[in-house]
Amino acid sequence: MSAPPSPTSPRRTLSRRRWRGTWSTGSAFLLPLKEVVLSPQVHPVNRGFNSIVEAAVHGTRYLWNRDPELRRLIDHHRSVVLRCGGPRELEALGLLDGFLGIPKGPAEEKGPA
Protein backbone atom coordinates (compact mmCIF):
# COMPACT_ATOMS: atom_id res chain seq x y z
CA MET A 1 0.00 0.00 0.00
CA SER A 2 1.35 3.42 -0.87
CA ALA A 3 1.74 6.17 1.69
CA PRO A 4 -0.89 8.92 1.90
CA PRO A 5 -0.24 12.22 0.10
CA SER A 6 1.70 14.79 2.05
CA PRO A 7 -0.63 17.08 4.04
CA THR A 8 1.50 20.06 3.02
CA SER A 9 1.48 19.30 -0.73
CA PRO A 10 0.27 22.25 -2.83
CA ARG A 11 -3.48 22.12 -3.48
CA ARG A 12 -6.21 24.56 -4.31
CA THR A 13 -7.91 24.69 -0.94
CA LEU A 14 -9.27 27.35 1.32
CA SER A 15 -7.55 25.88 4.35
CA ARG A 16 -4.65 23.60 5.09
CA ARG A 17 -4.53 21.04 7.86
CA ARG A 18 -1.71 19.13 9.47
CA TRP A 19 -2.52 15.55 10.30
CA ARG A 20 -1.16 12.96 12.66
CA GLY A 21 -2.29 9.44 12.08
CA THR A 22 -1.56 5.79 11.82
CA TRP A 23 -2.08 3.30 9.01
CA SER A 24 -3.24 -0.24 9.69
CA THR A 25 -5.05 -2.79 7.52
CA GLY A 26 -5.88 -0.19 4.89
CA SER A 27 -7.58 2.22 7.29
CA ALA A 28 -6.34 5.59 8.42
CA PHE A 29 -7.00 7.18 11.78
CA LEU A 30 -6.29 10.90 11.51
CA LEU A 31 -6.40 13.70 14.04
CA PRO A 32 -6.02 17.36 13.00
CA LEU A 33 -3.06 19.02 14.72
CA LYS A 34 -3.36 22.49 13.25
CA GLU A 35 -5.55 24.33 10.75
CA VAL A 36 -4.84 27.63 9.01
CA VAL A 37 -7.33 29.62 6.91
CA LEU A 38 -5.58 30.59 3.68
CA SER A 39 -8.37 32.64 2.15
CA PRO A 40 -11.37 34.18 3.94
CA GLN A 41 -13.28 34.62 0.66
CA VAL A 42 -16.71 33.11 0.25
CA HIS A 43 -17.27 31.60 -3.19
CA PRO A 44 -20.80 31.87 -4.59
CA VAL A 45 -22.71 28.76 -5.57
CA ASN A 46 -23.22 28.31 -9.31
CA ARG A 47 -26.48 26.36 -9.52
CA GLY A 48 -26.22 25.95 -13.29
CA PHE A 49 -22.76 24.40 -13.09
CA ASN A 50 -23.72 22.14 -10.19
CA SER A 51 -26.79 20.95 -12.11
CA ILE A 52 -24.66 20.10 -15.15
CA VAL A 53 -22.45 17.94 -12.95
CA GLU A 54 -25.49 16.21 -11.41
CA ALA A 55 -27.11 15.69 -14.82
CA ALA A 56 -23.88 14.17 -16.17
CA VAL A 57 -23.75 11.71 -13.27
CA HIS A 58 -27.39 10.74 -13.78
CA GLY A 59 -26.76 10.57 -17.53
CA THR A 60 -23.99 8.00 -17.24
CA ARG A 61 -26.28 5.84 -15.15
CA TYR A 62 -29.19 6.45 -17.53
CA LEU A 63 -27.17 5.13 -20.47
CA TRP A 64 -26.62 1.91 -18.58
CA ASN A 65 -30.23 1.08 -17.64
CA ARG A 66 -32.62 3.69 -19.15
CA ASP A 67 -34.39 4.09 -15.80
CA PRO A 68 -37.31 6.59 -16.10
CA GLU A 69 -36.48 8.02 -12.66
CA LEU A 70 -32.98 8.94 -13.87
CA ARG A 71 -34.51 10.59 -16.95
CA ARG A 72 -36.78 12.61 -14.64
CA LEU A 73 -33.73 13.74 -12.62
CA ILE A 74 -31.89 14.70 -15.82
CA ASP A 75 -34.91 16.75 -16.92
CA HIS A 76 -35.04 18.44 -13.51
CA HIS A 77 -31.38 19.46 -13.74
CA ARG A 78 -31.93 20.59 -17.35
CA SER A 79 -34.64 22.99 -16.14
CA VAL A 80 -32.26 24.40 -13.49
CA VAL A 81 -29.55 24.93 -16.13
CA LEU A 82 -32.03 26.71 -18.42
CA ARG A 83 -32.98 29.07 -15.57
CA CYS A 84 -29.61 29.60 -13.87
CA GLY A 85 -26.90 28.60 -16.33
CA GLY A 86 -24.75 30.85 -18.43
CA PRO A 87 -23.37 30.23 -21.93
CA ARG A 88 -20.87 27.60 -20.74
CA GLU A 89 -23.54 25.60 -18.93
CA LEU A 90 -25.92 25.81 -21.89
CA GLU A 91 -23.17 24.55 -24.20
CA ALA A 92 -22.43 21.70 -21.79
CA LEU A 93 -26.13 20.85 -21.68
CA GLY A 94 -26.17 20.59 -25.48
CA LEU A 95 -23.14 18.30 -25.39
CA LEU A 96 -24.72 16.14 -22.70
CA ASP A 97 -27.99 15.87 -24.61
CA GLY A 98 -26.10 14.87 -27.75
CA PHE A 99 -24.16 12.24 -25.83
CA LEU A 100 -27.34 10.85 -24.27
CA GLY A 101 -29.34 11.10 -27.51
CA ILE A 102 -31.96 13.38 -25.95
CA PRO A 103 -33.64 15.79 -28.41
CA LYS A 104 -33.82 19.48 -27.59
CA GLY A 105 -37.07 20.82 -26.20
CA PRO A 106 -38.78 24.04 -27.42
CA ALA A 107 -37.35 26.11 -24.54
CA GLU A 108 -33.79 25.11 -25.42
CA GLU A 109 -34.10 25.91 -29.11
CA LYS A 110 -34.84 29.56 -28.27
CA GLY A 111 -31.60 29.91 -26.29
CA PRO A 112 -31.10 31.94 -23.13
CA ALA A 113 -33.53 34.76 -22.38
C-alpha atoms as a PDB file:
ATOM      1  CA  MET A   1       0.000   0.000   0.000  1.00  0.00           C
ATOM      2  CA  SER A   2       1.348   3.421  -0.870  1.00  0.00           C
ATOM      3  CA  ALA A   3       1.737   6.172   1.691  1.00  0.00           C
ATOM      4  CA  PRO A   4      -0.893   8.915   1.900  1.00  0.00           C
ATOM      5  CA  PRO A   5      -0.238  12.217   0.101  1.00  0.00           C
ATOM      6  CA  SER A   6       1.704  14.793   2.050  1.00  0.00           C
ATOM      7  CA  PRO A   7      -0.627  17.077   4.041  1.00  0.00           C
ATOM      8  CA  THR A   8       1.501  20.055   3.015  1.00  0.00           C
ATOM      9  CA  SER A   9       1.476  19.303  -0.727  1.00  0.00           C
ATOM     10  CA  PRO A  10       0.273  22.253  -2.827  1.00  0.00           C
ATOM     11  CA  ARG A  11      -3.476  22.116  -3.478  1.00  0.00           C
ATOM     12  CA  ARG A  12      -6.208  24.563  -4.312  1.00  0.00           C
ATOM     13  CA  THR A  13      -7.911  24.685  -0.936  1.00  0.00           C
ATOM     14  CA  LEU A  14      -9.269  27.352   1.315  1.00  0.00           C
ATOM     15  CA  SER A  15      -7.554  25.883   4.351  1.00  0.00           C
ATOM     16  CA  ARG A  16      -4.653  23.600   5.085  1.00  0.00           C
ATOM     17  CA  ARG A  17      -4.535  21.035   7.857  1.00  0.00           C
ATOM     18  CA  ARG A  18      -1.708  19.129   9.469  1.00  0.00           C
ATOM     19  CA  TRP A  19      -2.515  15.554  10.296  1.00  0.00           C
ATOM     20  CA  ARG A  20      -1.160  12.956  12.659  1.00  0.00           C
ATOM     21  CA  GLY A  21      -2.292   9.439  12.080  1.00  0.00           C
ATOM     22  CA  THR A  22      -1.557   5.788  11.816  1.00  0.00           C
ATOM     23  CA  TRP A  23      -2.080   3.297   9.008  1.00  0.00           C
ATOM     24  CA  SER A  24      -3.243  -0.243   9.693  1.00  0.00           C
ATOM     25  CA  THR A  25      -5.054  -2.788   7.516  1.00  0.00           C
ATOM     26  CA  GLY A  26      -5.880  -0.194   4.892  1.00  0.00           C
ATOM     27  CA  SER A  27      -7.581   2.224   7.295  1.00  0.00           C
ATOM     28  CA  ALA A  28      -6.340   5.594   8.421  1.00  0.00           C
ATOM     29  CA  PHE A  29      -6.997   7.177  11.779  1.00  0.00           C
ATOM     30  CA  LEU A  30      -6.293  10.895  11.512  1.00  0.00           C
ATOM     31  CA  LEU A  31      -6.400  13.701  14.041  1.00  0.00           C
ATOM     32  CA  PRO A  32      -6.018  17.360  12.998  1.00  0.00           C
ATOM     33  CA  LEU A  33      -3.058  19.017  14.715  1.00  0.00           C
ATOM     34  CA  LYS A  34      -3.356  22.486  13.249  1.00  0.00           C
ATOM     35  CA  GLU A  35      -5.552  24.328  10.745  1.00  0.00           C
ATOM     36  CA  VAL A  36      -4.843  27.632   9.014  1.00  0.00           C
ATOM     37  CA  VAL A  37      -7.331  29.618   6.914  1.00  0.00           C
ATOM     38  CA  LEU A  38      -5.576  30.588   3.675  1.00  0.00           C
ATOM     39  CA  SER A  39      -8.370  32.644   2.152  1.00  0.00           C
ATOM     40  CA  PRO A  40     -11.369  34.179   3.938  1.00  0.00           C
ATOM     41  CA  GLN A  41     -13.276  34.620   0.660  1.00  0.00           C
ATOM     42  CA  VAL A  42     -16.714  33.113   0.252  1.00  0.00           C
ATOM     43  CA  HIS A  43     -17.266  31.601  -3.188  1.00  0.00           C
ATOM     44  CA  PRO A  44     -20.800  31.873  -4.586  1.00  0.00           C
ATOM     45  CA  VAL A  45     -22.705  28.761  -5.568  1.00  0.00           C
ATOM     46  CA  ASN A  46     -23.222  28.309  -9.308  1.00  0.00           C
ATOM     47  CA  ARG A  47     -26.482  26.364  -9.518  1.00  0.00           C
ATOM     48  CA  GLY A  48     -26.220  25.948 -13.295  1.00  0.00           C
ATOM     49  CA  PHE A  49     -22.755  24.400 -13.094  1.00  0.00           C
ATOM     50  CA  ASN A  50     -23.722  22.142 -10.193  1.00  0.00           C
ATOM     51  CA  SER A  51     -26.795  20.948 -12.105  1.00  0.00           C
ATOM     52  CA  ILE A  52     -24.665  20.100 -15.154  1.00  0.00           C
ATOM     53  CA  VAL A  53     -22.455  17.940 -12.949  1.00  0.00           C
ATOM     54  CA  GLU A  54     -25.489  16.213 -11.413  1.00  0.00           C
ATOM     55  CA  ALA A  55     -27.111  15.689 -14.822  1.00  0.00           C
ATOM     56  CA  ALA A  56     -23.882  14.169 -16.166  1.00  0.00           C
ATOM     57  CA  VAL A  57     -23.745  11.709 -13.265  1.00  0.00           C
ATOM     58  CA  HIS A  58     -27.391  10.742 -13.783  1.00  0.00           C
ATOM     59  CA  GLY A  59     -26.763  10.569 -17.534  1.00  0.00           C
ATOM     60  CA  THR A  60     -23.985   8.004 -17.242  1.00  0.00           C
ATOM     61  CA  ARG A  61     -26.280   5.835 -15.151  1.00  0.00           C
ATOM     62  CA  TYR A  62     -29.192   6.453 -17.530  1.00  0.00           C
ATOM     63  CA  LEU A  63     -27.173   5.129 -20.468  1.00  0.00           C
ATOM     64  CA  TRP A  64     -26.621   1.912 -18.577  1.00  0.00           C
ATOM     65  CA  ASN A  65     -30.225   1.076 -17.644  1.00  0.00           C
ATOM     66  CA  ARG A  66     -32.624   3.692 -19.148  1.00  0.00           C
ATOM     67  CA  ASP A  67     -34.392   4.092 -15.803  1.00  0.00           C
ATOM     68  CA  PRO A  68     -37.310   6.593 -16.101  1.00  0.00           C
ATOM     69  CA  GLU A  69     -36.478   8.022 -12.658  1.00  0.00           C
ATOM     70  CA  LEU A  70     -32.982   8.939 -13.867  1.00  0.00           C
ATOM     71  CA  ARG A  71     -34.507  10.593 -16.945  1.00  0.00           C
ATOM     72  CA  ARG A  72     -36.776  12.606 -14.636  1.00  0.00           C
ATOM     73  CA  LEU A  73     -33.730  13.735 -12.624  1.00  0.00           C
ATOM     74  CA  ILE A  74     -31.890  14.695 -15.818  1.00  0.00           C
ATOM     75  CA  ASP A  75     -34.906  16.749 -16.917  1.00  0.00           C
ATOM     76  CA  HIS A  76     -35.045  18.441 -13.514  1.00  0.00           C
ATOM     77  CA  HIS A  77     -31.384  19.457 -13.740  1.00  0.00           C
ATOM     78  CA  ARG A  78     -31.931  20.593 -17.353  1.00  0.00           C
ATOM     79  CA  SER A  79     -34.635  22.992 -16.139  1.00  0.00           C
ATOM     80  CA  VAL A  80     -32.262  24.395 -13.494  1.00  0.00           C
ATOM     81  CA  VAL A  81     -29.553  24.933 -16.130  1.00  0.00           C
ATOM     82  CA  LEU A  82     -32.027  26.712 -18.422  1.00  0.00           C
ATOM     83  CA  ARG A  83     -32.976  29.071 -15.566  1.00  0.00           C
ATOM     84  CA  CYS A  84     -29.612  29.601 -13.872  1.00  0.00           C
ATOM     85  CA  GLY A  85     -26.901  28.598 -16.333  1.00  0.00           C
ATOM     86  CA  GLY A  86     -24.747  30.851 -18.426  1.00  0.00           C
ATOM     87  CA  PRO A  87     -23.374  30.233 -21.928  1.00  0.00           C
ATOM     88  CA  ARG A  88     -20.875  27.602 -20.743  1.00  0.00           C
ATOM     89  CA  GLU A  89     -23.539  25.601 -18.935  1.00  0.00           C
ATOM     90  CA  LEU A  90     -25.917  25.806 -21.892  1.00  0.00           C
ATOM     91  CA  GLU A  91     -23.166  24.553 -24.204  1.00  0.00           C
ATOM     92  CA  ALA A  92     -22.428  21.703 -21.791  1.00  0.00           C
ATOM     93  CA  LEU A  93     -26.134  20.851 -21.681  1.00  0.00           C
ATOM     94  CA  GLY A  94     -26.169  20.587 -25.478  1.00  0.00           C
ATOM     95  CA  LEU A  95     -23.139  18.299 -25.393  1.00  0.00           C
ATOM     96  CA  LEU A  96     -24.719  16.142 -22.701  1.00  0.00           C
ATOM     97  CA  ASP A  97     -27.990  15.873 -24.614  1.00  0.00           C
ATOM     98  CA  GLY A  98     -26.105  14.865 -27.755  1.00  0.00           C
ATOM     99  CA  PHE A  99     -24.155  12.239 -25.833  1.00  0.00           C
ATOM    100  CA  LEU A 100     -27.340  10.849 -24.272  1.00  0.00           C
ATOM    101  CA  GLY A 101     -29.343  11.096 -27.511  1.00  0.00           C
ATOM    102  CA  ILE A 102     -31.957  13.381 -25.948  1.00  0.00           C
ATOM    103  CA  PRO A 103     -33.643  15.788 -28.415  1.00  0.00           C
ATOM    104  CA  LYS A 104     -33.817  19.482 -27.591  1.00  0.00           C
ATOM    105  CA  GLY A 105     -37.066  20.824 -26.200  1.00  0.00           C
ATOM    106  CA  PRO A 106     -38.781  24.036 -27.416  1.00  0.00           C
ATOM    107  CA  ALA A 107     -37.351  26.114 -24.536  1.00  0.00           C
ATOM    108  CA  GLU A 108     -33.786  25.105 -25.421  1.00  0.00           C
ATOM    109  CA  GLU A 109     -34.099  25.913 -29.115  1.00  0.00           C
ATOM    110  CA  LYS A 110     -34.837  29.559 -28.266  1.00  0.00           C
ATOM    111  CA  GLY A 111     -31.605  29.908 -26.294  1.00  0.00           C
ATOM    112  CA  PRO A 112     -31.105  31.945 -23.128  1.00  0.00           C
ATOM    113  CA  ALA A 113     -33.532  34.759 -22.379  1.00  0.00           C
END
